[in-house]
Amino acid sequence: MTGAGENHRIDSLSWHAVRLPEGSTLVRKHTFEYTTAANMYDLELYEHQDKTWHAIALPRGGSRVIIYGSNVVDTAQMAIQVVVDKIRREGLEAWDEPAVSETDAEDTESEH
């Protein structure tokens, strides 16, 4: 009889050895929520069959969709860290622009 923890360990190791048809890939996705003072991001961590990793994050809500991503790296920690660092450096807070009112838009059009 095996415990639940052991089954997870076996499952976690065995999918790396699954033989796939040529041109196919198998990737495991892990999901997280990353919250900053100003925004919440859906962070997805992808584990490749060759035991490499990459991550992406998308902000929730808002008028802009910016995808923050890592390159393929050797560890899950590194993939997440790259994305977190990019959000800190280039996050929506850095892209916030003043809102343009209808009056401002009309003034701009009349200038041209």
PDB file of N, CA and C in Angstrom:
ATOM      1  N   MET A   1       0.846  -1.178   0.000  1.00  0.00           N
ATOM      2  CA  MET A   1       0.000   0.000   0.000  1.00  0.00           C
ATOM      3  C   MET A   1       0.894   1.245   0.000  1.00  0.00           C
ATOM      4  N   THR A   2       0.527   2.225  -0.801  1.00  0.00           N
ATOM      5  CA  THR A   2       1.328   3.440  -0.867  1.00  0.00           C
ATOM      6  C   THR A   2       0.534   4.612  -0.320  1.00  0.00           C
ATOM      7  N   GLY A   3       1.256   5.572   0.257  1.00  0.00           N
ATOM      8  CA  GLY A   3       0.612   6.772   0.768  1.00  0.00           C
ATOM      9  C   GLY A   3       0.389   7.777  -0.343  1.00  0.00           C
ATOM     10  N   ALA A   4      -0.469   8.769  -0.082  1.00  0.00           N
ATOM     11  CA  ALA A   4      -0.792   9.788  -1.096  1.00  0.00           C
ATOM     12  C   ALA A   4       0.454  10.546  -1.530  1.00  0.00           C
ATOM     13  N   GLY A   5       1.345  10.837  -0.592  1.00  0.00           N
ATOM     14  CA  GLY A   5       2.573  11.548  -0.925  1.00  0.00           C
ATOM     15  C   GLY A   5       3.450  10.755  -1.886  1.00  0.00           C
ATOM     16  N   GLU A   6       3.504   9.449  -1.692  1.00  0.00           N
ATOM     17  CA  GLU A   6       4.302   8.605  -2.569  1.00  0.00           C
ATOM     18  C   GLU A   6       3.710   8.557  -3.973  1.00  0.00           C
ATOM     19  N   ASN A   7       2.376   8.470  -4.079  1.00  0.00           N
ATOM     20  CA  ASN A   7       1.743   8.473  -5.399  1.00  0.00           C
ATOM     21  C   ASN A   7       2.048   9.759  -6.145  1.00  0.00           C
ATOM     22  N   HIS A   8       2.011  10.883  -5.443  1.00  0.00           N
ATOM     23  CA  HIS A   8       2.326  12.163  -6.081  1.00  0.00           C
ATOM     24  C   HIS A   8       3.773  12.154  -6.577  1.00  0.00           C
ATOM     25  N   ARG A   9       4.686  11.637  -5.761  1.00  0.00           N
ATOM     26  CA  ARG A   9       6.093  11.590  -6.141  1.00  0.00           C
ATOM     27  C   ARG A   9       6.279  10.739  -7.388  1.00  0.00           C
ATOM     28  N   ILE A  10       5.630   9.592  -7.447  1.00  0.00           N
ATOM     29  CA  ILE A  10       5.737   8.714  -8.612  1.00  0.00           C
ATOM     30  C   ILE A  10       5.148   9.408  -9.842  1.00  0.00           C
ATOM     31  N   ASP A  11       3.960  10.003  -9.696  1.00  0.00           N
ATOM     32  CA  ASP A  11       3.327  10.717 -10.807  1.00  0.00           C
ATOM     33  C   ASP A  11       4.216  11.862 -11.282  1.00  0.00           C
ATOM     34  N   SER A  12       4.789  12.571 -10.352  1.00  0.00           N
ATOM     35  CA  SER A  12       5.618  13.720 -10.691  1.00  0.00           C
ATOM     36  C   SER A  12       6.838  13.305 -11.511  1.00  0.00           C
ATOM     37  N   LEU A  13       7.380  12.141 -11.207  1.00  0.00           N
ATOM     38  CA  LEU A  13       8.568  11.674 -11.924  1.00  0.00           C
ATOM     39  C   LEU A  13       8.218  10.973 -13.231  1.00  0.00           C
ATOM     40  N   SER A  14       7.106  10.241 -13.258  1.00  0.00           N
ATOM     41  CA  SER A  14       6.814   9.380 -14.400  1.00  0.00           C
ATOM     42  C   SER A  14       6.420  10.139 -15.653  1.00  0.00           C
ATOM     43  N   TRP A  15       5.801  11.288 -15.560  1.00  0.00           N
ATOM     44  CA  TRP A  15       5.361  11.981 -16.767  1.00  0.00           C
ATOM     45  C   TRP A  15       6.548  12.475 -17.598  1.00  0.00           C
ATOM     46  N   HIS A  16       7.686  12.660 -16.955  1.00  0.00           N
ATOM     47  CA  HIS A  16       8.891  13.079 -17.688  1.00  0.00           C
ATOM     48  C   HIS A  16       9.357  11.991 -18.661  1.00  0.00           C
ATOM     49  N   ALA A  17       9.006  10.745 -18.384  1.00  0.00           N
ATOM     50  CA  ALA A  17       9.475   9.624 -19.196  1.00  0.00           C
ATOM     51  C   ALA A  17       8.470   9.174 -20.259  1.00  0.00           C
ATOM     52  N   VAL A  18       7.330   9.824 -20.352  1.00  0.00           N
ATOM     53  CA  VAL A  18       6.321   9.430 -21.340  1.00  0.00           C
ATOM     54  C   VAL A  18       6.892   9.632 -22.743  1.00  0.00           C
ATOM     55  N   ARG A  19       6.782   8.594 -23.575  1.00  0.00           N
ATOM     56  CA  ARG A  19       7.249   8.698 -24.963  1.00  0.00           C
ATOM     57  C   ARG A  19       6.151   9.366 -25.784  1.00  0.00           C
ATOM     58  N   LEU A  20       6.541  10.350 -26.563  1.00  0.00           N
ATOM     59  CA  LEU A  20       5.589  11.094 -27.385  1.00  0.00           C
ATOM     60  C   LEU A  20       5.933  10.945 -28.857  1.00  0.00           C
ATOM     61  N   PRO A  21       4.937  11.084 -29.719  1.00  0.00           N
ATOM     62  CA  PRO A  21       5.235  11.071 -31.158  1.00  0.00           C
ATOM     63  C   PRO A  21       6.145  12.241 -31.513  1.00  0.00           C
ATOM     64  N   GLU A  22       6.919  12.084 -32.541  1.00  0.00           N
ATOM     65  CA  GLU A  22       7.824  13.139 -32.996  1.00  0.00           C
ATOM     66  C   GLU A  22       7.040  14.431 -33.242  1.00  0.00           C
ATOM     67  N   GLY A  23       7.611  15.527 -32.794  1.00  0.00           N
ATOM     68  CA  GLY A  23       6.977  16.828 -32.970  1.00  0.00           C
ATOM     69  C   GLY A  23       5.993  17.192 -31.868  1.00  0.00           C
ATOM     70  N   SER A  24       5.797  16.298 -30.907  1.00  0.00           N
ATOM     71  CA  SER A  24       4.868  16.545 -29.807  1.00  0.00           C
ATOM     72  C   SER A  24       5.618  17.018 -28.568  1.00  0.00           C
ATOM     73  N   THR A  25       4.909  17.719 -27.704  1.00  0.00           N
ATOM     74  CA  THR A  25       5.484  18.131 -26.424  1.00  0.00           C
ATOM     75  C   THR A  25       4.461  17.891 -25.325  1.00  0.00           C
ATOM     76  N   LEU A  26       4.946  17.760 -24.131  1.00  0.00           N
ATOM     77  CA  LEU A  26       4.108  17.601 -22.958  1.00  0.00           C
ATOM     78  C   LEU A  26       4.629  18.578 -21.913  1.00  0.00           C
ATOM     79  N   VAL A  27       3.751  19.457 -21.441  1.00  0.00           N
ATOM     80  CA  VAL A  27       4.132  20.498 -20.495  1.00  0.00           C
ATOM     81  C   VAL A  27       3.138  20.486 -19.342  1.00  0.00           C
ATOM     82  N   ARG A  28       3.642  20.606 -18.130  1.00  0.00           N
ATOM     83  CA  ARG A  28       2.774  20.693 -16.944  1.00  0.00           C
ATOM     84  C   ARG A  28       2.672  22.156 -16.546  1.00  0.00           C
ATOM     85  N   LYS A  29       1.439  22.604 -16.252  1.00  0.00           N
ATOM     86  CA  LYS A  29       1.210  23.999 -15.897  1.00  0.00           C
ATOM     87  C   LYS A  29       0.847  24.108 -14.418  1.00  0.00           C
ATOM     88  N   HIS A  30       1.508  25.035 -13.742  1.00  0.00           N
ATOM     89  CA  HIS A  30       1.215  25.358 -12.358  1.00  0.00           C
ATOM     90  C   HIS A  30       0.712  26.806 -12.343  1.00  0.00           C
ATOM     91  N   THR A  31      -0.300  27.104 -11.543  1.00  0.00           N
ATOM     92  CA  THR A  31      -0.841  28.465 -11.530  1.00  0.00           C
ATOM     93  C   THR A  31      -0.675  29.105 -10.155  1.00  0.00           C
ATOM     94  N   PHE A  32      -0.446  30.432 -10.192  1.00  0.00           N
ATOM     95  CA  PHE A  32      -0.256  31.229  -8.989  1.00  0.00           C
ATOM     96  C   PHE A  32      -0.952  32.572  -9.169  1.00  0.00           C
ATOM     97  N   GLU A  33      -1.197  33.244  -8.069  1.00  0.00           N
ATOM     98  CA  GLU A  33      -1.634  34.635  -8.083  1.00  0.00           C
ATOM     99  C   GLU A  33      -0.507  35.451  -7.473  1.00  0.00           C
ATOM    100  N   TYR A  34      -0.068  36.472  -8.181  1.00  0.00           N
ATOM    101  CA  TYR A  34       0.975  37.366  -7.668  1.00  0.00           C
ATOM    102  C   TYR A  34       0.328  38.725  -7.470  1.00  0.00           C
ATOM    103  N   THR A  35       0.388  39.240  -6.242  1.00  0.00           N
ATOM    104  CA  THR A  35      -0.260  40.497  -5.918  1.00  0.00           C
ATOM    105  C   THR A  35       0.777  41.536  -5.534  1.00  0.00           C
ATOM    106  N   THR A  36       0.707  42.705  -6.181  1.00  0.00           N
ATOM    107  CA  THR A  36       1.534  43.848  -5.814  1.00  0.00           C
ATOM    108  C   THR A  36       0.634  44.852  -5.105  1.00  0.00           C
ATOM    109  N   ALA A  37       1.201  45.972  -4.679  1.00  0.00           N
ATOM    110  CA  ALA A  37       0.401  47.001  -4.018  1.00  0.00           C
ATOM    111  C   ALA A  37      -0.686  47.537  -4.944  1.00  0.00           C
ATOM    112  N   ALA A  38      -0.427  47.534  -6.252  1.00  0.00           N
ATOM    113  CA  ALA A  38      -1.354  48.155  -7.204  1.00  0.00           C
ATOM    114  C   ALA A  38      -2.120  47.172  -8.080  1.00  0.00           C
ATOM    115  N   ASN A  39      -1.640  45.951  -8.242  1.00  0.00           N
ATOM    116  CA  ASN A  39      -2.258  45.033  -9.207  1.00  0.00           C
ATOM    117  C   ASN A  39      -2.193  43.590  -8.746  1.00  0.00           C
ATOM    118  N   MET A  40      -2.999  42.765  -9.412  1.00  0.00           N
ATOM    119  CA  MET A  40      -2.950  41.325  -9.220  1.00  0.00           C
ATOM    120  C   MET A  40      -2.641  40.695 -10.575  1.00  0.00           C
ATOM    121  N   TYR A  41      -1.794  39.690 -10.575  1.00  0.00           N
ATOM    122  CA  TYR A  41      -1.374  39.025 -11.799  1.00  0.00           C
ATOM    123  C   TYR A  41      -1.663  37.536 -11.697  1.00  0.00           C
ATOM    124  N   ASP A  42      -2.101  36.942 -12.800  1.00  0.00           N
ATOM    125  CA  ASP A  42      -2.193  35.495 -12.911  1.00  0.00           C
ATOM    126  C   ASP A  42      -0.851  35.024 -13.444  1.00  0.00           C
ATOM    127  N   LEU A  43      -0.132  34.255 -12.644  1.00  0.00           N
ATOM    128  CA  LEU A  43       1.194  33.787 -13.012  1.00  0.00           C
ATOM    129  C   LEU A  43       1.097  32.302 -13.320  1.00  0.00           C
ATOM    130  N   GLU A  44       1.608  31.908 -14.467  1.00  0.00           N
ATOM    131  CA  GLU A  44       1.595  30.507 -14.879  1.00  0.00           C
ATOM    132  C   GLU A  44       3.026  30.028 -15.046  1.00  0.00           C
ATOM    133  N   LEU A  45       3.323  28.914 -14.425  1.00  0.00           N
ATOM    134  CA  LEU A  45       4.651  28.312 -14.468  1.00  0.00           C
ATOM    135  C   LEU A  45       4.544  27.020 -15.260  1.00  0.00           C
ATOM    136  N   TYR A  46       5.372  26.867 -16.263  1.00  0.00           N
ATOM    137  CA  TYR A  46       5.326  25.696 -17.141  1.00  0.00           C
ATOM    138  C   TYR A  46       6.569  24.839 -16.946  1.00  0.00           C
ATOM    139  N   GLU A  47       6.323  23.574 -16.654  1.00  0.00           N
ATOM    140  CA  GLU A  47       7.389  22.593 -16.486  1.00  0.00           C
ATOM    141  C   GLU A  47       7.438  21.730 -17.739  1.00  0.00           C
ATOM    142  N   HIS A  48       8.558  21.751 -18.423  1.00  0.00           N
ATOM    143  CA  HIS A  48       8.726  20.985 -19.652  1.00  0.00           C
ATOM    144  C   HIS A  48       9.184  19.565 -19.323  1.00  0.00           C
ATOM    145  N   GLN A  49       8.953  18.677 -20.232  1.00  0.00           N
ATOM    146  CA  GLN A  49       9.300  17.283 -20.019  1.00  0.00           C
ATOM    147  C   GLN A  49      10.805  17.087 -19.823  1.00  0.00           C
ATOM    148  N   ASP A  50      11.618  17.985 -20.385  1.00  0.00           N
ATOM    149  CA  ASP A  50      13.070  17.879 -20.207  1.00  0.00           C
ATOM    150  C   ASP A  50      13.542  18.534 -18.906  1.00  0.00           C
ATOM    151  N   LYS A  51      12.581  18.858 -18.019  1.00  0.00           N
ATOM    152  CA  LYS A  51      12.831  19.427 -16.693  1.00  0.00           C
ATOM    153  C   LYS A  51      13.339  20.862 -16.753  1.00  0.00           C
ATOM    154  N   THR A  52      13.021  21.576 -17.833  1.00  0.00           N
ATOM    155  CA  THR A  52      13.263  23.003 -17.888  1.00  0.00           C
ATOM    156  C   THR A  52      11.943  23.712 -17.603  1.00  0.00           C
ATOM    157  N   TRP A  53      12.003  25.026 -17.405  1.00  0.00           N
ATOM    158  CA  TRP A  53      10.849  25.788 -16.957  1.00  0.00           C
ATOM    159  C   TRP A  53      10.752  27.118 -17.685  1.00  0.00           C
ATOM    160  N   HIS A  54       9.533  27.645 -17.801  1.00  0.00           N
ATOM    161  CA  HIS A  54       9.328  29.048 -18.174  1.00  0.00           C
ATOM    162  C   HIS A  54       8.055  29.520 -17.496  1.00  0.00           C
ATOM    163  N   ALA A  55       7.924  30.836 -17.366  1.00  0.00           N
ATOM    164  CA  ALA A  55       6.762  31.398 -16.679  1.00  0.00           C
ATOM    165  C   ALA A  55       6.251  32.611 -17.434  1.00  0.00           C
ATOM    166  N   ILE A  56       4.955  32.869 -17.289  1.00  0.00           N
ATOM    167  CA  ILE A  56       4.356  34.087 -17.825  1.00  0.00           C
ATOM    168  C   ILE A  56       3.401  34.641 -16.768  1.00  0.00           C
ATOM    169  N   ALA A  57       3.139  35.934 -16.849  1.00  0.00           N
ATOM    170  CA  ALA A  57       2.159  36.557 -15.959  1.00  0.00           C
ATOM    171  C   ALA A  57       1.335  37.543 -16.765  1.00  0.00           C
ATOM    172  N   LEU A  58       0.049  37.596 -16.440  1.00  0.00           N
ATOM    173  CA  LEU A  58      -0.891  38.519 -17.076  1.00  0.00           C
ATOM    174  C   LEU A  58      -1.598  39.301 -15.987  1.00  0.00           C
ATOM    175  N   PRO A  59      -1.700  40.611 -16.141  1.00  0.00           N
ATOM    176  CA  PRO A  59      -2.435  41.380 -15.138  1.00  0.00           C
ATOM    177  C   PRO A  59      -3.925  41.085 -15.222  1.00  0.00           C
ATOM    178  N   ARG A  60      -4.593  41.156 -14.092  1.00  0.00           N
ATOM    179  CA  ARG A  60      -6.048  40.982 -14.070  1.00  0.00           C
ATOM    180  C   ARG A  60      -6.704  42.340 -14.262  1.00  0.00           C
ATOM    181  N   GLY A  61      -7.759  42.357 -15.041  1.00  0.00           N
ATOM    182  CA  GLY A  61      -8.515  43.590 -15.227  1.00  0.00           C
ATOM    183  C   GLY A  61      -7.693  44.655 -15.923  1.00  0.00           C
ATOM    184  N   GLY A  62      -8.170  45.879 -15.871  1.00  0.00           N
ATOM    185  CA  GLY A  62      -7.448  46.978 -16.476  1.00  0.00           C
ATOM    186  C   GLY A  62      -7.693  47.067 -17.963  1.00  0.00           C
ATOM    187  N   SER A  63      -7.213  48.133 -18.544  1.00  0.00           N
ATOM    188  CA  SER A  63      -7.446  48.375 -19.963  1.00  0.00           C
ATOM    189  C   SER A  63      -6.310  47.856 -20.837  1.00  0.00           C
ATOM    190  N   ARG A  64      -5.230  47.436 -20.248  1.00  0.00           N
ATOM    191  CA  ARG A  64      -4.077  46.943 -21.009  1.00  0.00           C
ATOM    192  C   ARG A  64      -3.818  45.485 -20.707  1.00  0.00           C
ATOM    193  N   VAL A  65      -3.377  44.774 -21.720  1.00  0.00           N
ATOM    194  CA  VAL A  65      -2.921  43.406 -21.523  1.00  0.00           C
ATOM    195  C   VAL A  65      -1.442  43.381 -21.878  1.00  0.00           C
ATOM    196  N   ILE A  66      -0.646  43.171 -20.871  1.00  0.00           N
ATOM    197  CA  ILE A  66       0.801  43.079 -21.059  1.00  0.00           C
ATOM    198  C   ILE A  66       1.209  41.704 -20.554  1.00  0.00           C
ATOM    199  N   ILE A  67       1.942  40.972 -21.359  1.00  0.00           N
ATOM    200  CA  ILE A  67       2.390  39.639 -20.971  1.00  0.00           C
ATOM    201  C   ILE A  67       3.846  39.739 -20.534  1.00  0.00           C
ATOM    202  N   TYR A  68       4.101  39.329 -19.309  1.00  0.00           N
ATOM    203  CA  TYR A  68       5.464  39.296 -18.778  1.00  0.00           C
ATOM    204  C   TYR A  68       5.915  37.846 -18.834  1.00  0.00           C
ATOM    205  N   GLY A  69       7.075  37.587 -19.403  1.00  0.00           N
ATOM    206  CA  GLY A  69       7.505  36.207 -19.543  1.00  0.00           C
ATOM    207  C   GLY A  69       8.978  36.008 -19.294  1.00  0.00           C
ATOM    208  N   SER A  70       9.322  34.794 -18.961  1.00  0.00           N
ATOM    209  CA  SER A  70      10.722  34.419 -18.788  1.00  0.00           C
ATOM    210  C   SER A  70      11.167  33.635 -20.013  1.00  0.00           C
ATOM    211  N   ASN A  71      12.444  33.494 -20.150  1.00  0.00           N
ATOM    212  CA  ASN A  71      12.985  32.564 -21.128  1.00  0.00           C
ATOM    213  C   ASN A  71      12.927  31.163 -20.508  1.00  0.00           C
ATOM    214  N   VAL A  72      13.293  30.149 -21.234  1.00  0.00           N
ATOM    215  CA  VAL A  72      13.336  28.787 -20.697  1.00  0.00           C
ATOM    216  C   VAL A  72      14.600  28.664 -19.853  1.00  0.00           C
ATOM    217  N   VAL A  73      14.414  28.261 -18.600  1.00  0.00           N
ATOM    218  CA  VAL A  73      15.521  28.210 -17.641  1.00  0.00           C
ATOM    219  C   VAL A  73      15.550  26.859 -16.940  1.00  0.00           C
ATOM    220  N   ASP A  74      16.567  26.660 -16.100  1.00  0.00           N
ATOM    221  CA  ASP A  74      16.785  25.357 -15.464  1.00  0.00           C
ATOM    222  C   ASP A  74      15.939  25.096 -14.218  1.00  0.00           C
ATOM    223  N   THR A  75      15.420  26.150 -13.561  1.00  0.00           N
ATOM    224  CA  THR A  75      14.670  25.925 -12.326  1.00  0.00           C
ATOM    225  C   THR A  75      13.368  26.715 -12.324  1.00  0.00           C
ATOM    226  N   ALA A  76      12.410  26.195 -11.571  1.00  0.00           N
ATOM    227  CA  ALA A  76      11.129  26.889 -11.408  1.00  0.00           C
ATOM    228  C   ALA A  76      11.345  28.230 -10.719  1.00  0.00           C
ATOM    229  N   GLN A  77      12.196  28.243  -9.712  1.00  0.00           N
ATOM    230  CA  GLN A  77      12.459  29.475  -8.971  1.00  0.00           C
ATOM    231  C   GLN A  77      12.985  30.564  -9.901  1.00  0.00           C
ATOM    232  N   MET A  78      13.902  30.213 -10.776  1.00  0.00           N
ATOM    233  CA  MET A  78      14.476  31.188 -11.692  1.00  0.00           C
ATOM    234  C   MET A  78      13.411  31.736 -12.649  1.00  0.00           C
ATOM    235  N   ALA A  79      12.558  30.881 -13.161  1.00  0.00           N
ATOM    236  CA  ALA A  79      11.510  31.316 -14.092  1.00  0.00           C
ATOM    237  C   ALA A  79      10.565  32.308 -13.415  1.00  0.00           C
ATOM    238  N   ILE A  80      10.125  31.981 -12.197  1.00  0.00           N
ATOM    239  CA  ILE A  80       9.239  32.887 -11.470  1.00  0.00           C
ATOM    240  C   ILE A  80       9.956  34.187 -11.138  1.00  0.00           C
ATOM    241  N   GLN A  81      11.200  34.094 -10.712  1.00  0.00           N
ATOM    242  CA  GLN A  81      11.955  35.290 -10.327  1.00  0.00           C
ATOM    243  C   GLN A  81      12.116  36.251 -11.497  1.00  0.00           C
ATOM    244  N   VAL A  82      12.368  35.724 -12.685  1.00  0.00           N
ATOM    245  CA  VAL A  82      12.501  36.573 -13.876  1.00  0.00           C
ATOM    246  C   VAL A  82      11.209  37.348 -14.108  1.00  0.00           C
ATOM    247  N   VAL A  83      10.067  36.678 -13.994  1.00  0.00           N
ATOM    248  CA  VAL A  83       8.781  37.333 -14.218  1.00  0.00           C
ATOM    249  C   VAL A  83       8.497  38.376 -13.135  1.00  0.00           C
ATOM    250  N   VAL A  84       8.741  38.024 -11.888  1.00  0.00           N
ATOM    251  CA  VAL A  84       8.514  38.977 -10.790  1.00  0.00           C
ATOM    252  C   VAL A  84       9.393  40.208 -10.967  1.00  0.00           C
ATOM    253  N   ASP A  85      10.652  39.999 -11.339  1.00  0.00           N
ATOM    254  CA  ASP A  85      11.560  41.134 -11.564  1.00  0.00           C
ATOM    255  C   ASP A  85      11.076  42.019 -12.704  1.00  0.00           C
ATOM    256  N   LYS A  86      10.574  41.412 -13.790  1.00  0.00           N
ATOM    257  CA  LYS A  86      10.052  42.200 -14.910  1.00  0.00           C
ATOM    258  C   LYS A  86       8.833  43.010 -14.486  1.00  0.00           C
ATOM    259  N   ILE A  87       7.958  42.413 -13.706  1.00  0.00           N
ATOM    260  CA  ILE A  87       6.780  43.143 -13.238  1.00  0.00           C
ATOM    261  C   ILE A  87       7.211  44.307 -12.353  1.00  0.00           C
ATOM    262  N   ARG A  88       8.162  44.072 -11.468  1.00  0.00           N
ATOM    263  CA  ARG A  88       8.645  45.166 -10.613  1.00  0.00           C
ATOM    264  C   ARG A  88       9.240  46.288 -11.444  1.00  0.00           C
ATOM    265  N   ARG A  89       9.962  45.927 -12.476  1.00  0.00           N
ATOM    266  CA  ARG A  89      10.668  46.905 -13.315  1.00  0.00           C
ATOM    267  C   ARG A  89       9.745  47.568 -14.328  1.00  0.00           C
ATOM    268  N   GLU A  90       8.833  46.783 -14.922  1.00  0.00           N
ATOM    269  CA  GLU A  90       8.043  47.272 -16.057  1.00  0.00           C
ATOM    270  C   GLU A  90       6.547  47.149 -15.830  1.00  0.00           C
ATOM    271  N   GLY A  91       6.104  46.921 -14.610  1.00  0.00           N
ATOM    272  CA  GLY A  91       4.703  46.651 -14.322  1.00  0.00           C
ATOM    273  C   GLY A  91       3.759  47.744 -14.770  1.00  0.00           C
ATOM    274  N   LEU A  92       2.485  47.457 -14.676  1.00  0.00           N
ATOM    275  CA  LEU A  92       1.464  48.403 -15.113  1.00  0.00           C
ATOM    276  C   LEU A  92       1.632  49.765 -14.457  1.00  0.00           C
ATOM    277  N   GLU A  93       2.162  49.797 -13.241  1.00  0.00           N
ATOM    278  CA  GLU A  93       2.373  51.069 -12.571  1.00  0.00           C
ATOM    279  C   GLU A  93       3.289  51.966 -13.400  1.00  0.00           C
ATOM    280  N   ALA A  94       4.278  51.379 -14.049  1.00  0.00           N
ATOM    281  CA  ALA A  94       5.218  52.156 -14.869  1.00  0.00           C
ATOM    282  C   ALA A  94       4.578  52.613 -16.173  1.00  0.00           C
ATOM    283  N   TRP A  95       3.495  51.958 -16.596  1.00  0.00           N
ATOM    284  CA  TRP A  95       2.850  52.283 -17.865  1.00  0.00           C
ATOM    285  C   TRP A  95       1.630  53.167 -17.706  1.00  0.00           C
ATOM    286  N   ASP A  96       1.239  53.444 -16.458  1.00  0.00           N
ATOM    287  CA  ASP A  96       0.042  54.258 -16.252  1.00  0.00           C
ATOM    288  C   ASP A  96       0.182  55.607 -16.930  1.00  0.00           C
ATOM    289  N   GLU A  97      -0.834  55.952 -17.665  1.00  0.00           N
ATOM    290  CA  GLU A  97      -0.869  57.232 -18.354  1.00  0.00           C
ATOM    291  C   GLU A  97      -2.043  58.026 -17.813  1.00  0.00           C
ATOM    292  N   PRO A  98      -1.965  59.364 -17.855  1.00  0.00           N
ATOM    293  CA  PRO A  98      -3.119  60.134 -17.419  1.00  0.00           C
ATOM    294  C   PRO A  98      -4.301  59.854 -18.338  1.00  0.00           C
ATOM    295  N   ALA A  99      -5.478  59.806 -17.755  1.00  0.00           N
ATOM    296  CA  ALA A  99      -6.684  59.561 -18.545  1.00  0.00           C
ATOM    297  C   ALA A  99      -6.954  60.764 -19.434  1.00  0.00           C
ATOM    298  N   VAL A 100      -7.447  60.508 -20.638  1.00  0.00           N
ATOM    299  CA  VAL A 100      -7.798  61.571 -21.579  1.00  0.00           C
ATOM    300  C   VAL A 100      -9.310  61.715 -21.563  1.00  0.00           C
ATOM    301  N   SER A 101      -9.772  62.916 -21.249  1.00  0.00           N
ATOM    302  CA  SER A 101     -11.217  63.150 -21.229  1.00  0.00           C
ATOM    303  C   SER A 101     -11.702  63.414 -22.644  1.00  0.00           C
ATOM    304  N   GLU A 102     -13.022  63.390 -22.836  1.00  0.00           N
ATOM    305  CA  GLU A 102     -13.587  63.693 -24.152  1.00  0.00           C
ATOM    306  C   GLU A 102     -13.215  65.113 -24.584  1.00  0.00           C
ATOM    307  N   THR A 103     -13.192  66.040 -23.642  1.00  0.00           N
ATOM    308  CA  THR A 103     -12.825  67.427 -23.957  1.00  0.00           C
ATOM    309  C   THR A 103     -11.390  67.495 -24.454  1.00  0.00           C
ATOM    310  N   ASP A 104     -10.485  66.780 -23.781  1.00  0.00           N
ATOM    311  CA  ASP A 104      -9.087  66.749 -24.217  1.00  0.00           C
ATOM    312  C   ASP A 104      -8.972  66.167 -25.607  1.00  0.00           C
ATOM    313  N   ALA A 105      -9.712  65.092 -25.886  1.00  0.00           N
ATOM    314  CA  ALA A 105      -9.663  64.457 -27.203  1.00  0.00           C
ATOM    315  C   ALA A 105     -10.174  65.413 -28.273  1.00  0.00           C
ATOM    316  N   GLU A 106     -11.259  66.151 -27.983  1.00  0.00           N
ATOM    317  CA  GLU A 106     -11.799  67.116 -28.950  1.00  0.00           C
ATOM    318  C   GLU A 106     -10.815  68.247 -29.200  1.00  0.00           C
ATOM    319  N   ASP A 107     -10.153  68.722 -28.142  1.00  0.00           N
ATOM    320  CA  ASP A 107      -9.154  69.773 -28.291  1.00  0.00           C
ATOM    321  C   ASP A 107      -8.007  69.311 -29.174  1.00  0.00           C
ATOM    322  N   THR A 108      -7.572  68.065 -28.988  1.00  0.00           N
ATOM    323  CA  THR A 108      -6.475  67.516 -29.781  1.00  0.00           C
ATOM    324  C   THR A 108      -6.891  67.420 -31.244  1.00  0.00           C
ATOM    325  N   GLU A 109      -8.117  66.959 -31.502  1.00  0.00           N
ATOM    326  CA  GLU A 109      -8.585  66.833 -32.887  1.00  0.00           C
ATOM    327  C   GLU A 109      -8.690  68.203 -33.550  1.00  0.00           C
ATOM    328  N   SER A 110      -9.114  69.231 -32.823  1.00  0.00           N
ATOM    329  CA  SER A 110      -9.278  70.553 -33.420  1.00  0.00           C
ATOM    330  C   SER A 110      -7.922  71.191 -33.718  1.00  0.00           C
ATOM    331  N   GLU A 111      -6.864  70.771 -33.021  1.00  0.00           N
ATOM    332  CA  GLU A 111      -5.530  71.305 -33.274  1.00  0.00           C
ATOM    333  C   GLU A 111      -4.981  70.776 -34.596  1.00  0.00           C
ATOM    334  N   HIS A 112      -5.460  69.622 -35.046  1.00  0.00           N
ATOM    335  CA  HIS A 112      -4.900  68.987 -36.256  1.00  0.00           C
ATOM    336  C   HIS A 112      -5.693  69.321 -37.436  1.00  0.00           C
TER     337      HIS A 112
END
